[in-house]
C-alpha cells in the first residue's frame, strides 16, 4: 500500500476510534456514577447493613423520598462532618411519631418493622412524641440500641429531624437491585477503560495518519 493511501486509511480509523472511545468513556462514567457505592462504617443499621458492608445507592430528588427508605444524608447538625449518615426514614413532614414500651407509631398507626435488630423497635426510648415539621425527616437506625439518630438530636433541631434536602442518595432496597447496581457499577468501570483505550488508539492512529502513514524502511548500508 502506498504511503499516501496508508496515511488516509489511518486517519479514517482514527476518526472512527476516537469518538467511539470518547462515547464509551462518557457512558461508562455516567453508569458508574449512577450507582454510588459506600462502605457502611458502623453498626447502627444492623441487621440490614453491618460494619464494612457494601451499600449501593441511587441518587434521588427530595420529592422522591418515602417512609421506609434507607437514605444517606448530610447531617452536620448531628456532628457528622465529611461523610454521610445512613438511616431509615420513619416520619415525614406533618407526621406525628410516638413510641410506647414496645412499638413505634406514625400518626397513631403501629409500624411493622421486621428489619429492626433484636425485634426491639423502642430500645429504651419509650414516651417519644414528635411532630415532624414540613420539609423535614425523622430518621432512625435499624439497630435501635446502637444508633445516634433523631431521638438523640432533639436539642439540635426540631424533633431531631433533618431537612429532606439533606438526602443525597437512597439505598437500593433489594438483593436483586443491589446485584443490578453492582453489575452496573462494574460495567461502568469496564466501559470507561475500553473507551479510554479506544480513544487513545484513535488519537495515536490519527496522528500516524497525519504523518503520512508508515514510513518506508531505509536501506541498510
N, C-alpha and C. Protein backbone atom coordinates (compact mmCIF):
# COMPACT_ATOMS: atom_id res chain seq x y z
N UNK A 1 0.85 -1.19 0.00
CA UNK A 1 0.00 0.00 0.00
C UNK A 1 0.89 1.24 0.00
N UNK A 2 0.59 2.21 -0.87
CA UNK A 2 1.40 3.42 -0.94
C UNK A 2 1.23 4.24 0.32
N UNK A 3 2.28 5.01 0.73
CA UNK A 3 2.21 5.77 1.98
C UNK A 3 1.02 6.70 2.05
N UNK A 4 0.67 7.39 0.94
CA UNK A 4 -0.45 8.34 0.98
C UNK A 4 -1.76 7.62 1.30
N UNK A 5 -1.97 6.47 0.63
CA UNK A 5 -3.19 5.71 0.87
C UNK A 5 -3.21 5.15 2.28
N UNK A 6 -2.07 4.67 2.76
CA UNK A 6 -1.98 4.15 4.13
C UNK A 6 -2.27 5.24 5.14
N UNK A 7 -1.74 6.43 4.90
CA UNK A 7 -1.99 7.54 5.82
C UNK A 7 -3.45 7.91 5.86
N UNK A 8 -4.11 7.91 4.69
CA UNK A 8 -5.54 8.22 4.64
C UNK A 8 -6.34 7.18 5.42
N UNK A 9 -5.98 5.92 5.26
CA UNK A 9 -6.67 4.86 5.99
C UNK A 9 -6.50 5.01 7.50
N UNK A 10 -5.31 5.37 7.93
CA UNK A 10 -5.08 5.57 9.36
C UNK A 10 -5.87 6.74 9.89
N UNK A 11 -5.97 7.82 9.10
CA UNK A 11 -6.75 8.97 9.56
C UNK A 11 -8.22 8.61 9.72
N UNK A 12 -8.76 7.84 8.76
CA UNK A 12 -10.17 7.41 8.84
C UNK A 12 -10.38 6.54 10.08
N UNK A 13 -9.44 5.61 10.32
CA UNK A 13 -9.56 4.76 11.50
C UNK A 13 -9.52 5.60 12.77
N UNK A 14 -8.67 6.61 12.78
CA UNK A 14 -8.60 7.50 13.94
C UNK A 14 -9.89 8.26 14.14
N UNK A 15 -10.52 8.74 13.05
CA UNK A 15 -11.78 9.48 13.16
C UNK A 15 -12.89 8.58 13.74
N UNK A 16 -12.81 7.29 13.45
CA UNK A 16 -13.83 6.36 13.97
C UNK A 16 -13.54 5.99 15.43
N UNK A 17 -12.30 5.63 15.73
CA UNK A 17 -11.96 5.14 17.06
C UNK A 17 -12.04 6.23 18.12
N UNK A 18 -11.61 7.44 17.79
CA UNK A 18 -11.55 8.49 18.80
C UNK A 18 -12.94 8.85 19.34
N UNK A 19 -13.94 9.16 18.47
CA UNK A 19 -15.26 9.47 19.04
C UNK A 19 -15.94 8.27 19.67
N UNK A 20 -15.71 7.06 19.12
CA UNK A 20 -16.29 5.86 19.72
C UNK A 20 -15.73 5.66 21.12
N UNK A 21 -14.44 5.81 21.26
CA UNK A 21 -13.81 5.67 22.57
C UNK A 21 -14.30 6.72 23.54
N UNK A 22 -14.42 7.97 23.06
CA UNK A 22 -14.91 9.04 23.93
C UNK A 22 -16.34 8.77 24.39
N UNK A 23 -17.17 8.24 23.48
CA UNK A 23 -18.56 7.93 23.81
C UNK A 23 -18.64 6.83 24.87
N UNK A 24 -17.85 5.78 24.69
CA UNK A 24 -17.84 4.69 25.67
C UNK A 24 -17.31 5.16 27.02
N UNK A 25 -16.29 5.99 26.98
CA UNK A 25 -15.73 6.52 28.22
C UNK A 25 -16.77 7.33 28.98
N UNK A 26 -17.47 8.23 28.27
CA UNK A 26 -18.50 9.05 28.92
C UNK A 26 -19.64 8.18 29.44
N UNK A 27 -20.07 7.19 28.63
CA UNK A 27 -21.15 6.31 29.07
C UNK A 27 -20.75 5.50 30.29
N UNK A 28 -19.52 5.03 30.32
CA UNK A 28 -19.05 4.27 31.46
C UNK A 28 -19.01 5.10 32.73
N UNK A 29 -18.56 6.34 32.61
CA UNK A 29 -18.50 7.21 33.79
C UNK A 29 -19.90 7.54 34.30
N UNK A 30 -20.85 7.77 33.37
CA UNK A 30 -22.23 8.05 33.77
C UNK A 30 -22.83 6.85 34.48
N UNK A 31 -22.64 5.65 33.91
CA UNK A 31 -23.19 4.43 34.51
C UNK A 31 -22.57 4.18 35.88
N UNK A 32 -21.27 4.41 35.98
CA UNK A 32 -20.59 4.21 37.27
C UNK A 32 -21.13 5.17 38.34
N UNK A 33 -21.34 6.42 37.95
CA UNK A 33 -21.80 7.41 38.93
C UNK A 33 -23.28 7.25 39.27
N UNK A 34 -24.04 6.52 38.44
CA UNK A 34 -25.47 6.34 38.70
C UNK A 34 -25.71 5.47 39.93
N UNK A 35 -24.75 4.62 40.29
CA UNK A 35 -24.90 3.73 41.44
C UNK A 35 -23.69 3.89 42.37
N UNK A 36 -23.65 4.97 43.16
CA UNK A 36 -22.52 5.14 44.09
C UNK A 36 -22.46 3.99 45.08
N UNK A 37 -21.26 3.60 45.43
CA UNK A 37 -21.06 2.52 46.40
C UNK A 37 -20.41 3.09 47.66
N UNK A 38 -20.83 2.59 48.81
CA UNK A 38 -20.32 3.07 50.09
C UNK A 38 -20.05 1.89 51.01
N UNK A 39 -19.01 2.01 51.83
CA UNK A 39 -18.76 1.06 52.90
C UNK A 39 -19.47 1.56 54.15
N UNK A 40 -20.32 0.73 54.73
CA UNK A 40 -21.05 1.13 55.94
C UNK A 40 -20.06 1.17 57.10
N UNK A 41 -19.94 2.33 57.79
CA UNK A 41 -18.88 2.46 58.79
C UNK A 41 -19.19 1.85 60.15
N UNK A 42 -20.45 1.77 60.54
CA UNK A 42 -20.76 1.32 61.90
C UNK A 42 -21.88 0.30 61.94
N UNK A 43 -22.39 0.09 63.17
CA UNK A 43 -23.38 -0.97 63.39
C UNK A 43 -24.79 -0.44 63.55
N UNK A 44 -25.03 0.85 63.29
CA UNK A 44 -26.34 1.43 63.58
C UNK A 44 -27.46 0.91 62.68
N UNK A 45 -27.11 0.29 61.54
CA UNK A 45 -28.13 -0.22 60.63
C UNK A 45 -28.22 -1.74 60.60
N UNK A 46 -27.59 -2.40 61.57
CA UNK A 46 -27.75 -3.86 61.65
C UNK A 46 -29.21 -4.20 61.94
N UNK A 47 -29.71 -5.32 61.44
CA UNK A 47 -29.04 -6.33 60.60
C UNK A 47 -29.10 -6.04 59.11
N UNK A 48 -29.72 -4.91 58.72
CA UNK A 48 -29.84 -4.61 57.30
C UNK A 48 -28.47 -4.41 56.67
N UNK A 49 -27.62 -3.62 57.33
CA UNK A 49 -26.25 -3.40 56.88
C UNK A 49 -25.33 -3.45 58.09
N UNK A 50 -24.30 -4.29 58.00
CA UNK A 50 -23.33 -4.38 59.08
C UNK A 50 -22.10 -3.55 58.79
N UNK A 51 -21.22 -3.38 59.77
CA UNK A 51 -19.98 -2.63 59.55
C UNK A 51 -19.16 -3.24 58.42
N UNK A 52 -18.76 -2.40 57.48
CA UNK A 52 -17.94 -2.86 56.36
C UNK A 52 -18.74 -3.37 55.18
N UNK A 53 -20.07 -3.52 55.33
CA UNK A 53 -20.88 -3.97 54.19
C UNK A 53 -20.85 -2.93 53.08
N UNK A 54 -20.94 -3.41 51.84
CA UNK A 54 -21.05 -2.52 50.69
C UNK A 54 -22.50 -2.15 50.47
N UNK A 55 -22.77 -0.87 50.44
CA UNK A 55 -24.13 -0.37 50.20
C UNK A 55 -24.14 0.34 48.86
N UNK A 56 -25.02 -0.11 47.96
CA UNK A 56 -25.20 0.56 46.68
C UNK A 56 -26.40 1.48 46.76
N UNK A 57 -26.28 2.63 46.18
CA UNK A 57 -27.33 3.65 46.31
C UNK A 57 -27.69 4.20 44.94
N UNK A 58 -28.74 5.01 44.94
CA UNK A 58 -29.15 5.73 43.74
C UNK A 58 -29.43 7.17 44.13
N UNK A 59 -29.16 8.07 43.23
CA UNK A 59 -29.40 9.49 43.50
C UNK A 59 -30.90 9.77 43.36
N UNK A 60 -31.44 10.53 44.31
CA UNK A 60 -32.88 10.82 44.31
C UNK A 60 -33.09 12.30 44.57
N UNK A 61 -34.23 12.79 44.09
CA UNK A 61 -34.67 14.13 44.41
C UNK A 61 -35.42 14.10 45.75
N UNK A 62 -35.45 15.22 46.46
CA UNK A 62 -36.19 15.24 47.74
C UNK A 62 -37.63 14.78 47.61
N UNK A 63 -38.26 15.08 46.48
CA UNK A 63 -39.67 14.70 46.30
C UNK A 63 -39.85 13.20 46.15
N UNK A 64 -38.77 12.45 45.92
CA UNK A 64 -38.86 11.00 45.72
C UNK A 64 -38.69 10.21 47.01
N UNK A 65 -38.34 10.87 48.09
CA UNK A 65 -38.09 10.17 49.36
C UNK A 65 -39.42 9.72 49.96
N UNK A 66 -39.45 8.49 50.48
CA UNK A 66 -40.66 7.92 51.07
C UNK A 66 -40.34 7.31 52.44
N UNK A 67 -41.39 7.14 53.26
CA UNK A 67 -41.21 6.45 54.52
C UNK A 67 -40.68 5.03 54.27
N UNK A 68 -39.80 4.61 55.13
CA UNK A 68 -39.22 3.27 54.99
C UNK A 68 -37.95 3.24 54.17
N UNK A 69 -37.66 4.31 53.43
CA UNK A 69 -36.43 4.35 52.64
C UNK A 69 -35.22 4.38 53.57
N UNK A 70 -34.16 3.69 53.17
CA UNK A 70 -32.86 3.86 53.81
C UNK A 70 -32.12 4.92 53.01
N UNK A 71 -31.78 6.01 53.67
CA UNK A 71 -31.21 7.15 52.97
C UNK A 71 -29.83 7.49 53.51
N UNK A 72 -29.05 8.15 52.68
CA UNK A 72 -27.75 8.67 53.07
C UNK A 72 -27.89 10.19 53.11
N UNK A 73 -27.68 10.77 54.27
CA UNK A 73 -27.94 12.19 54.47
C UNK A 73 -26.68 12.91 54.91
N UNK A 74 -26.60 14.16 54.50
CA UNK A 74 -25.58 15.06 55.02
C UNK A 74 -26.14 15.68 56.30
N UNK A 75 -25.49 15.41 57.43
CA UNK A 75 -26.06 15.82 58.72
C UNK A 75 -25.01 16.49 59.60
N UNK A 76 -24.50 17.65 59.17
CA UNK A 76 -23.51 18.33 60.03
C UNK A 76 -24.08 18.75 61.37
N UNK A 77 -25.42 19.00 61.42
CA UNK A 77 -26.02 19.38 62.69
C UNK A 77 -26.03 18.22 63.69
N UNK A 78 -25.82 17.01 63.21
CA UNK A 78 -25.69 15.84 64.08
C UNK A 78 -24.22 15.58 64.44
N UNK A 79 -23.35 16.42 63.96
CA UNK A 79 -21.93 16.20 64.18
C UNK A 79 -21.29 15.29 63.17
N UNK A 80 -21.99 15.00 62.07
CA UNK A 80 -21.43 14.16 61.00
C UNK A 80 -20.80 15.09 59.97
N UNK A 81 -19.48 15.17 59.97
CA UNK A 81 -18.76 16.06 59.07
C UNK A 81 -17.90 15.24 58.12
N UNK A 82 -17.93 15.61 56.85
CA UNK A 82 -17.10 14.92 55.87
C UNK A 82 -17.59 13.55 55.48
N UNK A 83 -18.85 13.23 55.75
CA UNK A 83 -19.40 11.93 55.38
C UNK A 83 -20.91 11.99 55.37
N UNK A 84 -21.52 10.83 55.19
CA UNK A 84 -22.97 10.73 55.14
C UNK A 84 -23.46 9.77 56.22
N UNK A 85 -24.56 10.12 56.86
CA UNK A 85 -25.19 9.22 57.82
C UNK A 85 -26.18 8.32 57.10
N UNK A 86 -26.23 7.05 57.50
CA UNK A 86 -27.14 6.07 56.90
C UNK A 86 -28.24 5.76 57.91
N UNK A 87 -29.48 6.13 57.59
CA UNK A 87 -30.60 5.91 58.49
C UNK A 87 -31.85 5.58 57.69
N UNK A 88 -32.91 5.19 58.42
CA UNK A 88 -34.19 4.86 57.78
C UNK A 88 -35.20 5.98 58.04
N UNK A 89 -35.95 6.33 57.00
CA UNK A 89 -36.99 7.36 57.14
C UNK A 89 -38.19 6.76 57.86
N UNK A 90 -38.52 7.35 59.02
CA UNK A 90 -39.67 6.90 59.80
C UNK A 90 -40.82 7.88 59.66
N UNK A 91 -40.53 9.17 59.76
CA UNK A 91 -41.57 10.19 59.66
C UNK A 91 -41.19 11.28 58.67
N UNK A 92 -42.22 11.83 58.00
CA UNK A 92 -42.04 12.91 57.04
C UNK A 92 -42.84 14.13 57.52
N UNK A 93 -42.71 15.22 56.79
CA UNK A 93 -43.36 16.45 57.19
C UNK A 93 -44.84 16.28 57.50
N UNK A 94 -45.25 16.72 58.68
CA UNK A 94 -46.65 16.59 59.11
C UNK A 94 -46.96 15.36 59.90
N UNK A 95 -46.06 14.36 59.91
CA UNK A 95 -46.30 13.12 60.67
C UNK A 95 -46.07 13.35 62.16
N UNK A 96 -46.77 12.56 62.95
CA UNK A 96 -46.54 12.51 64.39
C UNK A 96 -45.96 11.14 64.72
N UNK A 97 -44.75 11.13 65.25
CA UNK A 97 -44.05 9.88 65.59
C UNK A 97 -44.07 9.72 67.11
N UNK A 98 -44.60 8.59 67.58
CA UNK A 98 -44.66 8.33 69.02
C UNK A 98 -44.18 6.91 69.30
N UNK A 99 -43.85 6.66 70.56
CA UNK A 99 -43.47 5.30 70.99
C UNK A 99 -44.12 5.00 72.33
N UNK A 100 -44.41 3.71 72.53
CA UNK A 100 -44.76 3.23 73.86
C UNK A 100 -43.65 2.29 74.30
N UNK A 101 -43.95 1.36 75.17
CA UNK A 101 -42.91 0.46 75.66
C UNK A 101 -42.46 -0.58 74.64
N UNK A 102 -43.23 -0.75 73.57
CA UNK A 102 -42.96 -1.86 72.66
C UNK A 102 -42.84 -1.48 71.19
N UNK A 103 -43.51 -0.38 70.76
CA UNK A 103 -43.59 -0.13 69.33
C UNK A 103 -43.44 1.34 69.00
N UNK A 104 -43.18 1.57 67.69
CA UNK A 104 -43.15 2.93 67.14
C UNK A 104 -44.44 3.13 66.36
N UNK A 105 -45.03 4.30 66.51
CA UNK A 105 -46.28 4.63 65.83
C UNK A 105 -46.08 5.87 64.97
N UNK A 106 -46.71 5.87 63.81
CA UNK A 106 -46.75 7.06 62.96
C UNK A 106 -48.21 7.41 62.73
N UNK A 107 -48.57 8.59 63.18
CA UNK A 107 -49.96 9.05 63.09
C UNK A 107 -50.93 8.06 63.73
N UNK A 108 -50.48 7.48 64.83
CA UNK A 108 -51.32 6.56 65.59
C UNK A 108 -51.32 5.13 65.11
N UNK A 109 -50.68 4.86 63.97
CA UNK A 109 -50.64 3.50 63.43
C UNK A 109 -49.31 2.84 63.78
N UNK A 110 -49.36 1.63 64.35
CA UNK A 110 -48.10 0.95 64.69
C UNK A 110 -47.34 0.53 63.43
N UNK A 111 -46.03 0.72 63.48
CA UNK A 111 -45.21 0.32 62.34
C UNK A 111 -44.86 -1.16 62.44
N UNK A 112 -44.91 -1.83 61.30
CA UNK A 112 -44.39 -3.18 61.20
C UNK A 112 -42.92 -3.06 60.80
N UNK A 113 -42.01 -3.48 61.67
CA UNK A 113 -40.58 -3.27 61.42
C UNK A 113 -39.80 -4.57 61.58
N UNK A 114 -39.95 -5.48 60.64
CA UNK A 114 -39.22 -6.75 60.74
C UNK A 114 -37.71 -6.58 60.60
N UNK A 115 -37.27 -5.43 60.13
CA UNK A 115 -35.84 -5.18 59.91
C UNK A 115 -35.12 -4.76 61.18
N UNK A 116 -35.82 -4.49 62.28
CA UNK A 116 -35.21 -3.96 63.49
C UNK A 116 -34.39 -5.03 64.22
N UNK A 117 -33.19 -4.65 64.66
CA UNK A 117 -32.32 -5.59 65.37
C UNK A 117 -32.95 -6.01 66.69
N UNK A 118 -32.90 -7.31 66.98
CA UNK A 118 -33.37 -7.84 68.25
C UNK A 118 -34.86 -7.70 68.45
N UNK A 119 -35.59 -7.39 67.38
CA UNK A 119 -37.05 -7.21 67.49
C UNK A 119 -37.40 -6.22 68.61
N UNK A 120 -36.60 -5.13 68.70
CA UNK A 120 -36.78 -4.14 69.76
C UNK A 120 -36.84 -2.75 69.14
N UNK A 121 -38.01 -2.34 68.61
CA UNK A 121 -38.10 -1.06 67.92
C UNK A 121 -37.90 0.16 68.82
N UNK A 122 -38.13 0.01 70.13
CA UNK A 122 -38.06 1.16 71.04
C UNK A 122 -36.68 1.29 71.68
N UNK A 123 -36.11 0.16 72.11
CA UNK A 123 -34.75 0.12 72.66
C UNK A 123 -34.51 1.19 73.73
N UNK A 124 -35.38 1.23 74.73
CA UNK A 124 -35.16 2.10 75.86
C UNK A 124 -35.55 3.55 75.66
N UNK A 125 -36.31 3.84 74.61
CA UNK A 125 -36.74 5.23 74.39
C UNK A 125 -38.27 5.30 74.28
N UNK A 126 -39.00 4.85 75.29
CA UNK A 126 -40.46 4.98 75.26
C UNK A 126 -40.85 6.43 75.53
N UNK A 127 -42.11 6.75 75.27
CA UNK A 127 -42.60 8.09 75.58
C UNK A 127 -42.21 9.15 74.57
N UNK A 128 -41.68 8.73 73.44
CA UNK A 128 -41.31 9.70 72.40
C UNK A 128 -42.57 10.28 71.76
N UNK A 129 -42.56 11.57 71.50
CA UNK A 129 -43.71 12.22 70.85
C UNK A 129 -43.20 13.40 70.05
N UNK A 130 -43.09 13.22 68.75
CA UNK A 130 -42.50 14.23 67.87
C UNK A 130 -43.46 14.53 66.72
N UNK A 131 -43.69 15.81 66.49
CA UNK A 131 -44.41 16.25 65.29
C UNK A 131 -43.35 16.71 64.29
N UNK A 132 -43.28 16.04 63.15
CA UNK A 132 -42.24 16.33 62.16
C UNK A 132 -42.61 17.59 61.39
N UNK A 133 -41.77 18.62 61.41
CA UNK A 133 -42.06 19.84 60.65
C UNK A 133 -42.09 19.56 59.15
N UNK A 134 -42.81 20.39 58.43
CA UNK A 134 -42.86 20.26 56.97
C UNK A 134 -41.45 20.42 56.39
N UNK A 135 -41.17 19.60 55.38
CA UNK A 135 -39.88 19.67 54.71
C UNK A 135 -38.75 19.02 55.46
N UNK A 136 -39.08 18.23 56.52
CA UNK A 136 -38.04 17.58 57.30
C UNK A 136 -38.35 16.10 57.48
N UNK A 137 -37.35 15.34 57.97
CA UNK A 137 -37.48 13.90 58.11
C UNK A 137 -37.06 13.47 59.51
N UNK A 138 -37.79 12.50 60.06
CA UNK A 138 -37.42 11.86 61.33
C UNK A 138 -36.78 10.53 60.97
N UNK A 139 -35.53 10.32 61.40
CA UNK A 139 -34.74 9.17 60.99
C UNK A 139 -34.34 8.32 62.18
N UNK A 140 -34.40 7.00 61.98
CA UNK A 140 -33.94 6.05 63.00
C UNK A 140 -33.02 5.03 62.34
N UNK A 141 -32.08 4.49 63.14
CA UNK A 141 -31.29 3.34 62.68
C UNK A 141 -32.07 2.06 62.92
N UNK A 142 -31.75 1.02 62.18
CA UNK A 142 -32.42 -0.28 62.39
C UNK A 142 -31.94 -0.95 63.67
N UNK A 143 -30.75 -0.64 64.10
CA UNK A 143 -30.21 -1.16 65.36
C UNK A 143 -30.50 -0.12 66.44
N UNK A 144 -31.73 -0.09 66.94
CA UNK A 144 -32.19 1.00 67.79
C UNK A 144 -31.38 1.14 69.08
N UNK A 145 -30.77 0.05 69.53
CA UNK A 145 -29.98 0.13 70.76
C UNK A 145 -28.59 0.68 70.54
N UNK A 146 -28.19 0.92 69.29
CA UNK A 146 -26.83 1.40 69.00
C UNK A 146 -26.86 2.35 67.81
N UNK A 147 -27.72 3.36 67.89
CA UNK A 147 -27.87 4.29 66.77
C UNK A 147 -28.11 5.70 67.30
N UNK A 148 -27.21 6.62 66.97
CA UNK A 148 -27.40 8.03 67.31
C UNK A 148 -28.22 8.66 66.19
N UNK A 149 -29.52 8.67 66.37
CA UNK A 149 -30.43 9.13 65.31
C UNK A 149 -31.29 10.28 65.83
N UNK A 150 -32.44 10.49 65.22
CA UNK A 150 -33.27 11.64 65.56
C UNK A 150 -33.65 11.69 67.04
N UNK A 151 -33.74 10.54 67.68
CA UNK A 151 -34.13 10.52 69.10
C UNK A 151 -33.15 11.30 69.97
N UNK A 152 -31.89 11.33 69.56
CA UNK A 152 -30.84 11.87 70.42
C UNK A 152 -30.30 13.22 69.93
N UNK A 153 -31.01 13.84 68.99
CA UNK A 153 -30.56 15.14 68.48
C UNK A 153 -31.66 16.19 68.58
N UNK A 154 -32.58 15.99 69.50
CA UNK A 154 -33.71 16.91 69.59
C UNK A 154 -33.31 18.28 70.13
N UNK A 155 -32.13 18.36 70.75
CA UNK A 155 -31.65 19.65 71.22
C UNK A 155 -30.98 20.46 70.11
N UNK A 156 -30.75 19.81 68.94
CA UNK A 156 -30.04 20.48 67.85
C UNK A 156 -30.95 20.87 66.69
N UNK A 157 -32.12 20.23 66.60
CA UNK A 157 -33.06 20.52 65.51
C UNK A 157 -34.45 20.12 65.98
N UNK A 158 -35.50 20.69 65.38
CA UNK A 158 -36.87 20.34 65.80
C UNK A 158 -37.12 18.83 65.72
N UNK A 159 -37.36 18.21 66.87
CA UNK A 159 -37.62 16.77 66.89
C UNK A 159 -36.43 15.93 66.48
N UNK A 160 -35.24 16.55 66.42
CA UNK A 160 -34.07 15.81 65.96
C UNK A 160 -34.08 15.52 64.48
N UNK A 161 -34.94 16.22 63.74
CA UNK A 161 -35.12 15.94 62.32
C UNK A 161 -34.02 16.58 61.48
N UNK A 162 -33.97 16.16 60.20
CA UNK A 162 -33.08 16.77 59.22
C UNK A 162 -33.92 17.24 58.04
N UNK A 163 -33.47 18.26 57.32
CA UNK A 163 -34.23 18.69 56.13
C UNK A 163 -34.21 17.62 55.06
N UNK A 164 -35.31 17.48 54.33
CA UNK A 164 -35.37 16.47 53.28
C UNK A 164 -34.33 16.76 52.20
N UNK A 165 -33.93 18.02 52.07
CA UNK A 165 -32.89 18.37 51.08
C UNK A 165 -31.53 17.84 51.49
N UNK A 166 -31.39 17.34 52.73
CA UNK A 166 -30.12 16.76 53.17
C UNK A 166 -29.90 15.36 52.59
N UNK A 167 -30.96 14.76 52.04
CA UNK A 167 -30.83 13.42 51.45
C UNK A 167 -30.00 13.51 50.16
N UNK A 168 -28.93 12.76 50.13
CA UNK A 168 -28.08 12.73 48.94
C UNK A 168 -28.36 11.51 48.06
N UNK A 169 -28.63 10.37 48.70
CA UNK A 169 -28.84 9.13 47.95
C UNK A 169 -29.80 8.25 48.73
N UNK A 170 -30.33 7.25 48.04
CA UNK A 170 -31.20 6.25 48.67
C UNK A 170 -30.63 4.87 48.39
N UNK A 171 -30.56 4.03 49.42
CA UNK A 171 -30.03 2.69 49.24
C UNK A 171 -30.94 1.88 48.32
N UNK A 172 -30.33 1.10 47.45
CA UNK A 172 -31.08 0.17 46.61
C UNK A 172 -31.60 -0.91 47.54
N UNK A 173 -32.94 -1.10 47.56
CA UNK A 173 -33.55 -1.79 48.69
C UNK A 173 -33.87 -3.26 48.50
N UNK A 174 -33.23 -3.94 47.57
CA UNK A 174 -33.46 -5.37 47.45
C UNK A 174 -32.18 -6.04 46.98
N UNK A 175 -32.11 -7.36 47.22
CA UNK A 175 -30.93 -8.10 46.81
C UNK A 175 -30.74 -8.03 45.30
N UNK A 176 -31.85 -8.18 44.55
CA UNK A 176 -31.75 -8.11 43.09
C UNK A 176 -31.32 -6.72 42.65
N UNK A 177 -31.85 -5.68 43.32
CA UNK A 177 -31.48 -4.33 42.97
C UNK A 177 -30.02 -4.07 43.27
N UNK A 178 -29.53 -4.57 44.41
CA UNK A 178 -28.13 -4.39 44.76
C UNK A 178 -27.23 -5.10 43.76
N UNK A 179 -27.64 -6.31 43.32
CA UNK A 179 -26.87 -7.04 42.33
C UNK A 179 -26.81 -6.26 41.02
N UNK A 180 -27.97 -5.71 40.60
CA UNK A 180 -28.01 -4.92 39.37
C UNK A 180 -27.16 -3.67 39.50
N UNK A 181 -27.23 -3.03 40.67
CA UNK A 181 -26.44 -1.82 40.88
C UNK A 181 -24.95 -2.14 40.84
N UNK A 182 -24.56 -3.24 41.49
CA UNK A 182 -23.16 -3.63 41.48
C UNK A 182 -22.68 -3.97 40.07
N UNK A 183 -23.53 -4.68 39.31
CA UNK A 183 -23.18 -5.01 37.93
C UNK A 183 -23.07 -3.74 37.09
N UNK A 184 -24.00 -2.81 37.31
CA UNK A 184 -23.96 -1.56 36.57
C UNK A 184 -22.71 -0.76 36.87
N UNK A 185 -22.34 -0.73 38.16
CA UNK A 185 -21.14 0.00 38.54
C UNK A 185 -19.90 -0.65 37.92
N UNK A 186 -19.83 -2.01 37.97
CA UNK A 186 -18.69 -2.71 37.38
C UNK A 186 -18.63 -2.52 35.87
N UNK A 187 -19.80 -2.58 35.21
CA UNK A 187 -19.84 -2.38 33.77
C UNK A 187 -19.39 -0.98 33.42
N UNK A 188 -19.76 -0.03 34.26
CA UNK A 188 -19.33 1.35 34.02
C UNK A 188 -17.82 1.46 34.01
N UNK A 189 -17.16 0.80 34.97
CA UNK A 189 -15.70 0.84 35.02
C UNK A 189 -15.10 0.20 33.77
N UNK A 190 -15.65 -0.95 33.36
CA UNK A 190 -15.13 -1.65 32.18
C UNK A 190 -15.30 -0.79 30.93
N UNK A 191 -16.50 -0.20 30.76
CA UNK A 191 -16.74 0.66 29.60
C UNK A 191 -15.80 1.86 29.58
N UNK A 192 -15.58 2.42 30.76
CA UNK A 192 -14.69 3.58 30.84
C UNK A 192 -13.27 3.19 30.41
N UNK A 193 -12.79 2.02 30.85
CA UNK A 193 -11.45 1.58 30.47
C UNK A 193 -11.36 1.29 28.98
N UNK A 194 -12.39 0.59 28.44
CA UNK A 194 -12.39 0.32 27.00
C UNK A 194 -12.44 1.62 26.21
N UNK A 195 -13.29 2.53 26.66
CA UNK A 195 -13.41 3.81 25.98
C UNK A 195 -12.11 4.58 25.98
N UNK A 196 -11.42 4.58 27.12
CA UNK A 196 -10.14 5.28 27.20
C UNK A 196 -9.14 4.65 26.23
N UNK A 197 -9.12 3.30 26.19
CA UNK A 197 -8.19 2.61 25.29
C UNK A 197 -8.48 2.92 23.83
N UNK A 198 -9.77 2.91 23.46
CA UNK A 198 -10.13 3.21 22.07
C UNK A 198 -9.82 4.67 21.72
N UNK A 199 -10.11 5.56 22.65
CA UNK A 199 -9.83 6.97 22.38
C UNK A 199 -8.33 7.19 22.19
N UNK A 200 -7.52 6.54 23.02
CA UNK A 200 -6.07 6.67 22.89
C UNK A 200 -5.59 6.08 21.58
N UNK A 201 -6.15 4.89 21.24
CA UNK A 201 -5.77 4.26 19.96
C UNK A 201 -6.17 5.14 18.79
N UNK A 202 -7.38 5.75 18.86
CA UNK A 202 -7.81 6.63 17.78
C UNK A 202 -6.92 7.83 17.63
N UNK A 203 -6.50 8.40 18.76
CA UNK A 203 -5.63 9.59 18.70
C UNK A 203 -4.28 9.23 18.10
N UNK A 204 -3.71 8.09 18.54
CA UNK A 204 -2.41 7.67 18.02
C UNK A 204 -2.50 7.31 16.55
N UNK A 205 -3.60 6.64 16.15
CA UNK A 205 -3.77 6.26 14.74
C UNK A 205 -3.92 7.49 13.87
N UNK A 206 -4.75 8.43 14.33
CA UNK A 206 -4.92 9.65 13.56
C UNK A 206 -3.63 10.42 13.44
N UNK A 207 -2.85 10.44 14.50
CA UNK A 207 -1.57 11.15 14.47
C UNK A 207 -0.62 10.51 13.47
N UNK A 208 -0.63 9.15 13.46
CA UNK A 208 0.22 8.45 12.49
C UNK A 208 -0.24 8.74 11.06
N UNK A 209 -1.59 8.83 10.87
CA UNK A 209 -2.12 9.12 9.54
C UNK A 209 -1.72 10.51 9.06
N UNK A 210 -1.69 11.48 9.98
CA UNK A 210 -1.33 12.84 9.59
C UNK A 210 0.13 12.94 9.19
N UNK A 211 0.94 11.98 9.65
CA UNK A 211 2.35 11.97 9.25
C UNK A 211 2.57 11.24 7.94
N UNK A 212 1.45 10.76 7.37
CA UNK A 212 1.57 10.13 6.06
C UNK A 212 1.66 8.64 6.08
N UNK A 213 1.31 8.03 7.23
CA UNK A 213 1.28 6.57 7.30
C UNK A 213 2.65 6.00 7.56
N UNK A 214 2.77 4.70 7.49
CA UNK A 214 4.03 4.03 7.77
C UNK A 214 5.12 4.52 6.82
N UNK A 215 6.25 4.82 7.35
CA UNK A 215 7.39 5.26 6.52
C UNK A 215 8.14 4.05 5.98
N UNK A 216 8.57 4.15 4.70
CA UNK A 216 9.31 3.02 4.14
C UNK A 216 10.61 2.80 4.91
N UNK A 217 10.99 1.54 4.99
CA UNK A 217 12.23 1.21 5.70
C UNK A 217 13.42 1.72 4.91
N UNK A 218 14.38 2.28 5.63
CA UNK A 218 15.58 2.74 4.98
C UNK A 218 16.50 1.56 4.67
N UNK A 219 17.13 1.62 3.49
CA UNK A 219 18.03 0.51 3.16
C UNK A 219 19.23 0.48 4.10
N UNK A 220 19.62 -0.71 4.43
CA UNK A 220 20.81 -0.88 5.27
C UNK A 220 22.04 -0.72 4.44
N UNK A 221 22.93 0.20 4.84
CA UNK A 221 24.15 0.40 4.02
C UNK A 221 25.04 -0.85 4.03
